[in-house]
Amino acid sequence: METLHVCPECGTAWQDGKTCQDHFHQMLFWEWEIPDYRGEVHHLVVLCYHLQHPSLYSPEGLNAAMHLLAVFLERSVMTEEVRRRNRTTVDSRTRIWKIKGTSTSHGAYDPSIQWTITAANVIAGGVDNFCDSVRTWARSVLEDINASGNFSPQ
């Protein structure tokens, strides 16, 4: 009988020994292996995975990531424009806050969030549906965050 393991951050049941990180790496592999996918949804893959695993971010980084996802989805701003706008804000030479979480200072949700779609669902959708699945995932992540009360847009 297989022991069921569950991700302590996003709540996904790990099946066949595949963790959330394995699914994340599979998505990155698909992006690299299929030229048409390169750059298409990478920004959403990274944001959604990290938002569903908030300890990867500092508290400030988590807040910034939630805002960034909203900018991408609600305002349809392209990655190049976001990079241009945020260049000085996130420049490590001038930024006074950390993006990455540490064992003593990391992001968390209060209340916790029950995710509608996770990285495992994106992978289950298959490589042929990858970009559409990621876009659907991104919309659901933003909806779940908004519904949880953890996000207050500026």
C-alpha atoms as a PDB file:
ATOM      1  CA  MET A   1       0.000   0.000   0.000  1.00  0.00           C
ATOM      2  CA  GLU A   2       1.452   3.357  -1.054  1.00  0.00           C
ATOM      3  CA  THR A   3       1.822   6.040   1.581  1.00  0.00           C
ATOM      4  CA  LEU A   4      -0.016   9.179   0.577  1.00  0.00           C
ATOM      5  CA  HIS A   5       2.069  12.316   0.826  1.00  0.00           C
ATOM      6  CA  VAL A   6       0.569  15.777   0.616  1.00  0.00           C
ATOM      7  CA  CYS A   7       2.362  19.035  -0.073  1.00  0.00           C
ATOM      8  CA  PRO A   8       2.427  20.986   3.189  1.00  0.00           C
ATOM      9  CA  GLU A   9       2.037  24.285   1.324  1.00  0.00           C
ATOM     10  CA  CYS A  10      -0.452  23.802  -1.513  1.00  0.00           C
ATOM     11  CA  GLY A  11      -2.192  20.647  -0.306  1.00  0.00           C
ATOM     12  CA  THR A  12      -1.659  18.654  -3.509  1.00  0.00           C
ATOM     13  CA  ALA A  13      -1.551  14.892  -3.068  1.00  0.00           C
ATOM     14  CA  TRP A  14       1.761  13.626  -4.411  1.00  0.00           C
ATOM     15  CA  GLN A  15       1.108  10.599  -6.572  1.00  0.00           C
ATOM     16  CA  ASP A  16       3.609   8.137  -7.988  1.00  0.00           C
ATOM     17  CA  GLY A  17       6.345   9.844  -5.979  1.00  0.00           C
ATOM     18  CA  LYS A  18       5.949  13.095  -7.962  1.00  0.00           C
ATOM     19  CA  THR A  19       6.197  16.247  -5.868  1.00  0.00           C
ATOM     20  CA  CYS A  20       5.087  19.763  -6.729  1.00  0.00           C
ATOM     21  CA  GLN A  21       8.693  20.592  -7.534  1.00  0.00           C
ATOM     22  CA  ASP A  22       8.777  17.673  -9.989  1.00  0.00           C
ATOM     23  CA  HIS A  23       5.723  19.139 -11.744  1.00  0.00           C
ATOM     24  CA  PHE A  24       7.329  22.582 -11.795  1.00  0.00           C
ATOM     25  CA  HIS A  25      10.474  21.160 -13.361  1.00  0.00           C
ATOM     26  CA  GLN A  26       8.377  19.281 -15.930  1.00  0.00           C
ATOM     27  CA  MET A  27       6.756  22.560 -16.961  1.00  0.00           C
ATOM     28  CA  LEU A  28      10.153  24.226 -17.282  1.00  0.00           C
ATOM     29  CA  PHE A  29      11.320  21.271 -19.384  1.00  0.00           C
ATOM     30  CA  TRP A  30       8.328  21.579 -21.717  1.00  0.00           C
ATOM     31  CA  GLU A  31       9.055  25.281 -22.121  1.00  0.00           C
ATOM     32  CA  TRP A  32      12.651  24.560 -23.059  1.00  0.00           C
ATOM     33  CA  GLU A  33      11.973  21.562 -25.323  1.00  0.00           C
ATOM     34  CA  ILE A  34       9.169  23.108 -27.377  1.00  0.00           C
ATOM     35  CA  PRO A  35      10.336  26.294 -29.122  1.00  0.00           C
ATOM     36  CA  ASP A  36       6.772  27.641 -29.544  1.00  0.00           C
ATOM     37  CA  TYR A  37       6.331  27.564 -25.753  1.00  0.00           C
ATOM     38  CA  ARG A  38       9.492  29.528 -24.896  1.00  0.00           C
ATOM     39  CA  GLY A  39       8.552  32.728 -23.140  1.00  0.00           C
ATOM     40  CA  GLU A  40       4.843  32.244 -23.786  1.00  0.00           C
ATOM     41  CA  VAL A  41       3.727  31.516 -20.210  1.00  0.00           C
ATOM     42  CA  HIS A  42       6.983  31.276 -18.242  1.00  0.00           C
ATOM     43  CA  HIS A  43       6.135  34.318 -16.119  1.00  0.00           C
ATOM     44  CA  LEU A  44       2.833  32.710 -15.119  1.00  0.00           C
ATOM     45  CA  VAL A  45       4.406  29.302 -14.387  1.00  0.00           C
ATOM     46  CA  VAL A  46       6.948  30.802 -12.007  1.00  0.00           C
ATOM     47  CA  LEU A  47       4.464  33.123 -10.298  1.00  0.00           C
ATOM     48  CA  CYS A  48       1.755  30.502  -9.823  1.00  0.00           C
ATOM     49  CA  TYR A  49       4.113  27.846  -8.537  1.00  0.00           C
ATOM     50  CA  HIS A  50       5.705  30.250  -6.067  1.00  0.00           C
ATOM     51  CA  LEU A  51       2.367  31.760  -4.998  1.00  0.00           C
ATOM     52  CA  GLN A  52       1.119  28.277  -4.180  1.00  0.00           C
ATOM     53  CA  HIS A  53       4.323  27.638  -2.219  1.00  0.00           C
ATOM     54  CA  PRO A  54       4.497  30.960  -0.348  1.00  0.00           C
ATOM     55  CA  SER A  55       7.469  30.075   1.860  1.00  0.00           C
ATOM     56  CA  LEU A  56       9.616  30.469  -1.245  1.00  0.00           C
ATOM     57  CA  TYR A  57       8.903  34.198  -0.948  1.00  0.00           C
ATOM     58  CA  SER A  58       9.611  36.652   1.838  1.00  0.00           C
ATOM     59  CA  PRO A  59       6.435  38.300   3.177  1.00  0.00           C
ATOM     60  CA  GLU A  60       7.190  41.336   0.984  1.00  0.00           C
ATOM     61  CA  GLY A  61       8.008  39.120  -1.975  1.00  0.00           C
ATOM     62  CA  LEU A  62       4.697  37.290  -1.602  1.00  0.00           C
ATOM     63  CA  ASN A  63       2.784  40.556  -1.578  1.00  0.00           C
ATOM     64  CA  ALA A  64       4.688  41.793  -4.633  1.00  0.00           C
ATOM     65  CA  ALA A  65       4.011  38.511  -6.458  1.00  0.00           C
ATOM     66  CA  MET A  66       0.269  38.722  -5.809  1.00  0.00           C
ATOM     67  CA  HIS A  67       0.252  42.241  -7.242  1.00  0.00           C
ATOM     68  CA  LEU A  68       2.319  41.129 -10.215  1.00  0.00           C
ATOM     69  CA  LEU A  69      -0.090  38.312 -11.083  1.00  0.00           C
ATOM     70  CA  ALA A  70      -2.983  40.779 -10.943  1.00  0.00           C
ATOM     71  CA  VAL A  71      -1.102  43.158 -13.251  1.00  0.00           C
ATOM     72  CA  PHE A  72      -0.510  40.385 -15.780  1.00  0.00           C
ATOM     73  CA  LEU A  73      -4.070  39.081 -15.741  1.00  0.00           C
ATOM     74  CA  GLU A  74      -6.317  42.038 -14.958  1.00  0.00           C
ATOM     75  CA  ARG A  75      -4.429  44.720 -16.847  1.00  0.00           C
ATOM     76  CA  SER A  76      -3.002  42.487 -19.605  1.00  0.00           C
ATOM     77  CA  VAL A  77       0.447  44.017 -19.165  1.00  0.00           C
ATOM     78  CA  MET A  78       3.190  42.171 -21.017  1.00  0.00           C
ATOM     79  CA  THR A  79       6.349  40.905 -19.303  1.00  0.00           C
ATOM     80  CA  GLU A  80       8.601  43.372 -21.113  1.00  0.00           C
ATOM     81  CA  GLU A  81       6.530  46.289 -19.852  1.00  0.00           C
ATOM     82  CA  VAL A  82       6.544  44.940 -16.286  1.00  0.00           C
ATOM     83  CA  ARG A  83      10.330  44.558 -16.421  1.00  0.00           C
ATOM     84  CA  ARG A  84      10.684  48.118 -17.663  1.00  0.00           C
ATOM     85  CA  ARG A  85       8.330  49.523 -15.007  1.00  0.00           C
ATOM     86  CA  ASN A  86       9.818  47.562 -12.116  1.00  0.00           C
ATOM     87  CA  ARG A  87      13.488  47.751 -13.045  1.00  0.00           C
ATOM     88  CA  THR A  88      14.460  50.088 -10.213  1.00  0.00           C
ATOM     89  CA  THR A  89      11.987  48.652  -7.701  1.00  0.00           C
ATOM     90  CA  VAL A  90      13.412  45.126  -7.856  1.00  0.00           C
ATOM     91  CA  ASP A  91      17.047  45.969  -8.581  1.00  0.00           C
ATOM     92  CA  SER A  92      19.024  44.110  -5.909  1.00  0.00           C
ATOM     93  CA  ARG A  93      21.439  47.048  -5.596  1.00  0.00           C
ATOM     94  CA  THR A  94      18.683  49.415  -4.443  1.00  0.00           C
ATOM     95  CA  ARG A  95      15.877  47.158  -3.148  1.00  0.00           C
ATOM     96  CA  ILE A  96      15.634  47.203   0.653  1.00  0.00           C
ATOM     97  CA  TRP A  97      13.403  44.129   0.920  1.00  0.00           C
ATOM     98  CA  LYS A  98      14.118  40.495   0.056  1.00  0.00           C
ATOM     99  CA  ILE A  99      12.197  38.557  -2.556  1.00  0.00           C
ATOM    100  CA  LYS A 100      13.196  35.071  -1.439  1.00  0.00           C
ATOM    101  CA  GLY A 101      11.922  33.588   1.794  1.00  0.00           C
ATOM    102  CA  THR A 102      14.170  32.233   4.504  1.00  0.00           C
ATOM    103  CA  SER A 103      13.569  29.826   7.349  1.00  0.00           C
ATOM    104  CA  THR A 104      12.998  32.773   9.681  1.00  0.00           C
ATOM    105  CA  SER A 105      11.133  35.130   7.326  1.00  0.00           C
ATOM    106  CA  HIS A 106       8.860  33.686   4.683  1.00  0.00           C
ATOM    107  CA  GLY A 107       5.473  34.236   3.151  1.00  0.00           C
ATOM    108  CA  ALA A 108       2.324  32.530   4.373  1.00  0.00           C
ATOM    109  CA  TYR A 109      -1.405  32.933   3.898  1.00  0.00           C
ATOM    110  CA  ASP A 110      -3.823  33.643   6.712  1.00  0.00           C
ATOM    111  CA  PRO A 111      -6.289  32.154   6.206  1.00  0.00           C
ATOM    112  CA  SER A 112      -4.790  29.302   4.215  1.00  0.00           C
ATOM    113  CA  ILE A 113      -5.985  28.857   0.644  1.00  0.00           C
ATOM    114  CA  GLN A 114      -7.673  25.835  -0.874  1.00  0.00           C
ATOM    115  CA  TRP A 115      -6.331  25.854  -4.439  1.00  0.00           C
ATOM    116  CA  THR A 116      -8.697  25.006  -7.265  1.00  0.00           C
ATOM    117  CA  ILE A 117      -5.904  24.128  -9.729  1.00  0.00           C
ATOM    118  CA  THR A 118      -2.287  23.211  -8.980  1.00  0.00           C
ATOM    119  CA  ALA A 119       0.846  22.349 -10.939  1.00  0.00           C
ATOM    120  CA  ALA A 120      -0.217  18.700 -10.849  1.00  0.00           C
ATOM    121  CA  ASN A 121      -3.392  19.591 -12.766  1.00  0.00           C
ATOM    122  CA  VAL A 122      -1.391  21.474 -15.386  1.00  0.00           C
ATOM    123  CA  ILE A 123       0.846  18.444 -15.935  1.00  0.00           C
ATOM    124  CA  ALA A 124      -2.183  16.125 -16.058  1.00  0.00           C
ATOM    125  CA  GLY A 125      -3.533  18.285 -18.905  1.00  0.00           C
ATOM    126  CA  GLY A 126      -0.580  17.191 -21.025  1.00  0.00           C
ATOM    127  CA  VAL A 127       2.019  18.905 -23.094  1.00  0.00           C
ATOM    128  CA  ASP A 128      -0.352  19.717 -25.986  1.00  0.00           C
ATOM    129  CA  ASN A 129      -2.568  21.816 -23.700  1.00  0.00           C
ATOM    130  CA  PHE A 130       0.274  23.298 -21.675  1.00  0.00           C
ATOM    131  CA  CYS A 131      -0.054  27.016 -22.456  1.00  0.00           C
ATOM    132  CA  ASP A 132      -3.843  27.022 -22.162  1.00  0.00           C
ATOM    133  CA  SER A 133      -3.638  25.021 -18.930  1.00  0.00           C
ATOM    134  CA  VAL A 134      -1.139  27.492 -17.467  1.00  0.00           C
ATOM    135  CA  ARG A 135      -3.368  30.443 -18.350  1.00  0.00           C
ATOM    136  CA  THR A 136      -6.337  28.717 -16.707  1.00  0.00           C
ATOM    137  CA  TRP A 137      -4.178  27.916 -13.674  1.00  0.00           C
ATOM    138  CA  ALA A 138      -3.072  31.539 -13.387  1.00  0.00           C
ATOM    139  CA  ARG A 139      -6.651  32.834 -13.464  1.00  0.00           C
ATOM    140  CA  SER A 140      -7.670  30.299 -10.815  1.00  0.00           C
ATOM    141  CA  VAL A 141      -4.718  31.212  -8.576  1.00  0.00           C
ATOM    142  CA  LEU A 142      -5.693  34.878  -8.673  1.00  0.00           C
ATOM    143  CA  GLU A 143      -9.367  34.031  -8.060  1.00  0.00           C
ATOM    144  CA  ASP A 144      -8.464  31.757  -5.128  1.00  0.00           C
ATOM    145  CA  ILE A 145      -6.218  34.422  -3.592  1.00  0.00           C
ATOM    146  CA  ASN A 146      -8.881  37.108  -4.025  1.00  0.00           C
ATOM    147  CA  ALA A 147     -11.591  34.858  -2.551  1.00  0.00           C
ATOM    148  CA  SER A 148      -9.405  34.040   0.462  1.00  0.00           C
ATOM    149  CA  GLY A 149      -9.101  37.665   1.526  1.00  0.00           C
ATOM    150  CA  ASN A 150      -5.289  37.494   1.492  1.00  0.00           C
ATOM    151  CA  PHE A 151      -4.940  40.082  -1.243  1.00  0.00           C
ATOM    152  CA  SER A 152      -5.933  43.699  -1.342  1.00  0.00           C
ATOM    153  CA  PRO A 153      -5.107  45.352  -4.664  1.00  0.00           C
ATOM    154  CA  GLN A 154      -3.681  48.843  -4.509  1.00  0.00           C
END
